[in-house]
Protein backbone atom coordinates (compact mmCIF):
# COMPACT_ATOMS: atom_id res chain seq x y z
CA UNK A 1 0.00 0.00 0.00
CA UNK A 2 2.86 2.37 0.79
CA UNK A 3 4.24 1.78 -2.71
CA UNK A 4 0.87 2.76 -4.23
CA UNK A 5 0.72 5.95 -2.16
CA UNK A 6 4.27 6.91 -3.16
CA UNK A 7 3.59 6.18 -6.84
CA UNK A 8 0.41 8.26 -6.87
CA UNK A 9 2.21 11.12 -5.10
CA UNK A 10 4.98 11.10 -7.72
CA UNK A 11 2.43 11.08 -10.56
CA UNK A 12 0.46 13.90 -8.92
CA UNK A 13 3.66 15.97 -8.60
CA UNK A 14 4.51 15.37 -12.25
CA UNK A 15 1.01 16.11 -13.56
CA UNK A 16 0.54 19.21 -11.39
CA UNK A 17 3.88 20.61 -12.56
CA UNK A 18 3.01 19.97 -16.21
CA UNK A 19 -0.42 21.56 -15.79
CA UNK A 20 1.13 24.57 -14.03
CA UNK A 21 3.61 24.96 -16.89
CA UNK A 22 0.96 24.60 -19.61
CA UNK A 23 -1.44 27.16 -18.15
CA UNK A 24 1.37 29.61 -17.38
CA UNK A 25 2.71 29.14 -20.91
CA UNK A 26 -0.72 29.82 -22.42
CA UNK A 27 -1.17 33.06 -20.46
CA UNK A 28 2.42 34.17 -21.17
CA UNK A 29 2.04 33.44 -24.88
CA UNK A 30 -1.26 35.36 -25.14
CA UNK A 31 -0.54 38.46 -23.09
CA UNK A 32 3.24 38.84 -23.48
CA UNK A 33 4.27 37.09 -26.68
CA UNK A 34 1.01 38.05 -28.45
CA UNK A 35 0.81 34.66 -30.14
CA UNK A 36 -2.99 34.84 -30.08
CA UNK A 37 -5.42 37.73 -30.35
CA UNK A 38 -6.97 38.77 -27.04
CA UNK A 39 -10.68 38.17 -27.52
CA UNK A 40 -13.17 39.96 -25.24
CA UNK A 41 -15.59 37.03 -25.36
CA UNK A 42 -12.86 34.81 -23.83
CA UNK A 43 -12.15 36.91 -20.73
CA UNK A 44 -13.63 34.28 -18.44
CA UNK A 45 -11.54 31.61 -20.16
CA UNK A 46 -8.35 33.63 -19.60
CA UNK A 47 -9.37 33.97 -15.98
CA UNK A 48 -9.80 30.19 -15.82
CA UNK A 49 -6.25 29.67 -17.09
CA UNK A 50 -5.01 31.80 -14.20
CA UNK A 51 -7.04 29.87 -11.63
CA UNK A 52 -5.82 26.57 -13.08
CA UNK A 53 -2.22 27.75 -12.66
CA UNK A 54 -2.89 28.79 -9.04
CA UNK A 55 -4.56 25.47 -8.19
CA UNK A 56 -1.71 23.47 -9.70
CA UNK A 57 0.87 25.65 -7.94
CA UNK A 58 -0.52 24.85 -4.49
CA UNK A 59 -1.28 21.23 -5.40
CA UNK A 60 2.33 20.78 -6.54
CA UNK A 61 3.65 21.88 -3.15
CA UNK A 62 1.01 19.86 -1.30
CA UNK A 63 2.21 16.70 -3.02
CA UNK A 64 5.88 17.65 -2.51
CA UNK A 65 5.14 18.04 1.20
CA UNK A 66 3.26 14.73 1.32
CA UNK A 67 6.07 12.87 -0.41
CA UNK A 68 8.76 14.49 1.74
CA UNK A 69 7.02 13.68 5.01
CA UNK A 70 6.55 10.09 3.88
CA UNK A 71 10.34 9.66 3.92
CA UNK A 72 11.32 12.12 6.65
CA UNK A 73 8.93 12.32 9.59
CA UNK A 74 10.92 15.18 11.12
CA UNK A 75 9.86 17.39 8.18
CA UNK A 76 6.23 17.36 9.34
CA UNK A 77 5.21 20.89 10.34
CA UNK A 78 2.03 21.57 12.28
CA UNK A 79 -0.79 23.26 10.31
CA UNK A 80 1.23 23.36 7.08
CA UNK A 81 -1.22 20.91 5.45
CA UNK A 82 -4.15 23.23 6.13
CA UNK A 83 -2.24 26.31 4.90
CA UNK A 84 -1.53 24.52 1.62
CA UNK A 85 -4.92 22.85 1.21
CA UNK A 86 -7.02 25.91 2.09
CA UNK A 87 -6.09 28.13 -0.90
CA UNK A 88 -6.10 25.14 -3.24
CA UNK A 89 -9.60 23.94 -2.28
CA UNK A 90 -11.04 27.47 -2.19
CA UNK A 91 -9.59 28.30 -5.61
CA UNK A 92 -10.86 24.97 -6.98
CA UNK A 93 -14.36 25.85 -5.74
CA UNK A 94 -14.22 29.21 -7.52
CA UNK A 95 -12.82 27.54 -10.62
CA UNK A 96 -15.68 25.04 -10.84
CA UNK A 97 -18.20 27.89 -10.65
CA UNK A 98 -16.24 29.81 -13.29
CA UNK A 99 -16.34 26.78 -15.61
CA UNK A 100 -20.12 26.72 -15.21
CA UNK A 101 -20.35 30.44 -16.03
CA UNK A 102 -18.26 29.86 -19.16
CA UNK A 103 -20.70 27.18 -20.32
CA UNK A 104 -23.67 29.47 -19.60
CA UNK A 105 -21.99 32.30 -21.55
CA UNK A 106 -21.40 29.99 -24.50
CA UNK A 107 -25.06 28.92 -24.46
CA UNK A 108 -26.15 32.58 -24.46
CA UNK A 109 -23.70 33.34 -27.28
CA UNK A 110 -24.97 30.38 -29.33
CA UNK A 111 -28.70 30.91 -28.73
CA UNK A 112 -28.76 34.73 -28.70
CA UNK A 113 -25.66 35.83 -30.69
CA UNK A 114 -26.79 39.41 -31.38
CA UNK A 115 -27.77 39.96 -27.75
CA UNK A 116 -24.47 38.49 -26.54
CA UNK A 117 -22.30 40.61 -28.84
CA UNK A 118 -24.15 43.74 -27.78
CA UNK A 119 -24.03 43.10 -24.04
CA UNK A 120 -21.13 40.65 -23.63
CA UNK A 121 -19.10 43.00 -21.41
CA UNK A 122 -22.09 43.61 -19.11
CA UNK A 123 -22.87 39.87 -19.01
CA UNK A 124 -19.29 39.00 -18.07
CA UNK A 125 -19.15 41.73 -15.38
CA UNK A 126 -22.49 40.49 -14.00
CA UNK A 127 -21.21 36.92 -13.80
CA UNK A 128 -17.98 37.93 -12.09
CA UNK A 129 -19.35 40.49 -9.62
CA UNK A 130 -22.73 38.98 -8.72
CA UNK A 131 -21.94 35.27 -8.94
CA UNK A 132 -18.22 34.48 -8.89
CA UNK A 133 -17.09 36.79 -6.06
CA UNK A 134 -20.00 35.87 -3.72
CA UNK A 135 -19.29 32.19 -4.41
CA UNK A 136 -15.71 32.63 -3.22
CA UNK A 137 -16.86 34.49 -0.09
CA UNK A 138 -19.51 31.84 0.59
CA UNK A 139 -16.85 29.14 0.52
CA UNK A 140 -14.89 30.95 3.25
CA UNK A 141 -18.02 31.55 5.34
CA UNK A 142 -18.97 27.88 5.18
CA UNK A 143 -15.46 26.71 6.08
CA UNK A 144 -14.73 29.12 8.94
CA UNK A 145 -18.18 30.29 10.02
CA UNK A 146 -20.70 27.49 9.56
CA UNK A 147 -18.43 24.44 9.70
CA UNK A 148 -16.03 25.92 12.30
CA UNK A 149 -13.05 24.45 10.49
CA UNK A 150 -10.05 24.98 12.76
CA UNK A 151 -6.55 25.76 11.56
CA UNK A 152 -5.23 23.64 14.44
CA UNK A 153 -4.76 20.40 12.52
CA UNK A 154 -3.12 17.27 13.96
CA UNK A 155 0.64 17.12 13.59
CA UNK A 156 0.47 13.90 11.55
CA UNK A 157 -2.02 15.42 9.11
CA UNK A 158 -0.66 15.49 5.57
CA UNK A 159 -3.77 15.11 3.42
CA UNK A 160 -6.86 17.04 2.34
CA UNK A 161 -9.18 14.78 4.33
CA UNK A 162 -7.63 15.56 7.71
CA UNK A 163 -6.90 19.25 7.04
CA UNK A 164 -10.64 19.98 6.90
CA UNK A 165 -13.54 18.67 8.96
CA UNK A 166 -16.37 16.45 7.70
CA UNK A 167 -18.83 19.38 7.51
CA UNK A 168 -16.78 21.38 5.02
CA UNK A 169 -15.75 18.23 3.15
CA UNK A 170 -19.44 17.37 2.58
CA UNK A 171 -20.12 20.93 1.36
CA UNK A 172 -17.05 20.93 -0.90
CA UNK A 173 -17.91 17.58 -2.53
CA UNK A 174 -21.57 18.60 -2.93
CA UNK A 175 -20.55 21.92 -4.48
CA UNK A 176 -18.09 20.26 -6.88
CA UNK A 177 -20.53 17.58 -8.02
CA UNK A 178 -23.54 19.93 -8.33
CA UNK A 179 -21.70 22.65 -10.24
CA UNK A 180 -19.91 20.05 -12.37
CA UNK A 181 -23.18 18.34 -13.31
CA UNK A 182 -24.77 21.70 -14.20
CA UNK A 183 -21.72 22.42 -16.34
CA UNK A 184 -22.26 19.17 -18.22
CA UNK A 185 -26.00 19.93 -18.65
CA UNK A 186 -25.34 23.37 -20.16
CA UNK A 187 -22.62 21.88 -22.36
CA UNK A 188 -25.13 19.34 -23.69
CA UNK A 189 -27.54 22.21 -24.42
CA UNK A 190 -24.70 23.96 -26.25
CA UNK A 191 -23.95 20.83 -28.29
CA UNK A 192 -27.62 20.47 -29.26
CA UNK A 193 -27.77 24.14 -30.28
CA UNK A 194 -24.60 23.85 -32.37
CA UNK A 195 -25.81 20.70 -34.12
CA UNK A 196 -29.26 22.13 -34.83
CA UNK A 197 -27.73 25.33 -36.16
CA UNK A 198 -25.31 23.38 -38.34
CA UNK A 199 -27.93 21.17 -39.95
CA UNK A 200 -30.47 23.96 -40.39
CA UNK A 201 -28.39 26.83 -41.74
CA UNK A 202 -25.29 25.06 -43.10
CA UNK A 203 -23.33 28.26 -42.39
CA UNK A 204 -19.89 28.54 -40.87
CA UNK A 205 -19.81 30.01 -37.37
CA UNK A 206 -17.46 32.74 -36.26
CA UNK A 207 -13.96 31.34 -35.74
CA UNK A 208 -13.24 33.24 -32.52
CA UNK A 209 -16.51 32.17 -31.01
CA UNK A 210 -15.79 28.64 -32.19
CA UNK A 211 -12.51 28.61 -30.25
CA UNK A 212 -14.22 29.77 -27.06
CA UNK A 213 -16.95 27.19 -27.53
CA UNK A 214 -14.50 24.35 -28.13
CA UNK A 215 -12.57 25.25 -24.98
CA UNK A 216 -15.81 25.36 -22.97
CA UNK A 217 -16.90 21.95 -24.26
CA UNK A 218 -13.44 20.52 -23.64
CA UNK A 219 -13.54 21.76 -20.06
CA UNK A 220 -16.96 20.16 -19.49
CA UNK A 221 -15.63 16.86 -20.86
CA UNK A 222 -12.58 16.99 -18.57
CA UNK A 223 -14.69 17.94 -15.53
CA UNK A 224 -17.07 15.03 -16.10
CA UNK A 225 -14.54 12.27 -16.76
CA UNK A 226 -11.62 13.39 -14.58
CA UNK A 227 -13.41 15.14 -11.70
CA UNK A 228 -17.08 14.23 -11.22
CA UNK A 229 -16.80 10.49 -11.88
CA UNK A 230 -13.65 9.92 -9.74
CA UNK A 231 -14.88 12.10 -6.85
CA UNK A 232 -18.29 10.37 -6.91
CA UNK A 233 -16.68 6.93 -6.99
CA UNK A 234 -14.23 7.63 -4.17
CA UNK A 235 -16.89 9.37 -2.05
CA UNK A 236 -19.45 6.56 -2.33
CA UNK A 237 -17.30 3.45 -2.24
CA UNK A 238 -16.74 3.34 1.50
CA UNK A 239 -14.80 0.10 1.21
CA UNK A 240 -11.95 1.94 -0.53
CA UNK A 241 -9.01 2.83 1.69
CA UNK A 242 -9.01 6.61 2.04
CA UNK A 243 -5.20 6.68 2.09
CA UNK A 244 -5.26 5.24 -1.43
CA UNK A 245 -8.48 6.81 -2.72
CA UNK A 246 -7.36 10.37 -1.90
CA UNK A 247 -4.08 10.28 -3.86
CA UNK A 248 -5.75 8.46 -6.77
CA UNK A 249 -8.42 11.16 -6.98
CA UNK A 250 -5.66 13.77 -7.03
CA UNK A 251 -3.87 11.93 -9.84
CA UNK A 252 -7.00 11.75 -12.03
CA UNK A 253 -7.77 15.43 -11.43
CA UNK A 254 -4.24 16.64 -12.24
CA UNK A 255 -4.12 14.36 -15.29
CA UNK A 256 -7.32 16.02 -16.50
CA UNK A 257 -5.69 19.43 -16.13
CA UNK A 258 -2.71 18.25 -18.20
CA UNK A 259 -4.87 16.86 -21.00
CA UNK A 260 -6.98 20.02 -21.06
CA UNK A 261 -3.86 22.20 -21.15
CA UNK A 262 -2.31 20.24 -24.03
CA UNK A 263 -5.47 20.35 -26.16
CA UNK A 264 -6.14 24.01 -25.33
CA UNK A 265 -2.60 24.94 -26.32
CA UNK A 266 -3.07 23.20 -29.66
CA UNK A 267 -6.44 24.89 -30.26
CA UNK A 268 -5.14 28.38 -29.45
CA UNK A 269 -1.77 28.28 -31.16
CA UNK A 270 -2.33 25.92 -34.07
CA UNK A 271 -0.76 27.30 -37.22
CA UNK A 272 -3.29 28.10 -39.97
CA UNK A 273 -3.22 25.88 -43.02
CA UNK A 274 -1.87 27.46 -46.18
CA UNK A 275 -3.36 26.42 -49.50
CA UNK A 276 -0.91 25.20 -52.17
CA UNK A 277 0.40 28.05 -54.31
CA UNK A 278 -0.70 30.71 -51.81
CA UNK A 279 2.05 32.55 -49.97
CA UNK A 280 1.51 32.93 -46.25
CA UNK A 281 1.93 36.38 -44.69
CA UNK A 282 5.02 37.06 -42.64
CA UNK A 283 4.49 36.50 -38.95
CA UNK A 284 6.53 38.42 -36.43
CA UNK A 285 7.34 36.39 -33.33
CA UNK A 286 8.31 38.58 -30.39
CA UNK A 287 9.41 35.80 -28.05
């Protein structure tokens, strides 16, 4: 069993580092290297890249700490698990809500394109100010206020499950599964709308909107197969050893981040095809 825990910790470290690199690279390439045009309709998606990088940053150090304390008990520091898990879990909660808002925005853009183009900035500000920020504050109120989660964790605590109490853990899992399922539902609505529009009008959709939509659908796919299903399985199969189930859930989640980052990078920075006999314009690469 110890070998399985060590192997999953090593994989989680590797995947979290790769996901951190991919999301940081995407943001750096867009806003510094200017390898892709900054699209106003993708503001929430850019924000998601930043949250993904933050989550993977803390998760990387959580797994480094877990692996280190497995070999050297004297490295265990009281409350360090909570201080690492707290920002990671809170950011993950905000990120799941943001992913849902992205799917809702894509549905609005697909079903009411003229309305969305006219009011997209107001819609995005409404989602961020009236939904996203209160969701982050609610997470802190539930953890510290309602659930009375104490920072005074046991010295031997080195995992998510002992850094928080059962009250907040129940809320966190319920929030993740509920928001994730709603994300999948809105993504299915978006798929139906895209298919109906394709077969009825036979017209090509806007390329920029298509990129945002593909990223939103990709995120919903990753959330369902690498987050909802594993968390549901590990939360309901009580016979599973929690010392093994926890690290395995972390591995599947970080692997999902890596796959999403790789595909997103290809979608954003894929070189356009050049028809035979047609000269491609010169492209200036700044970095």
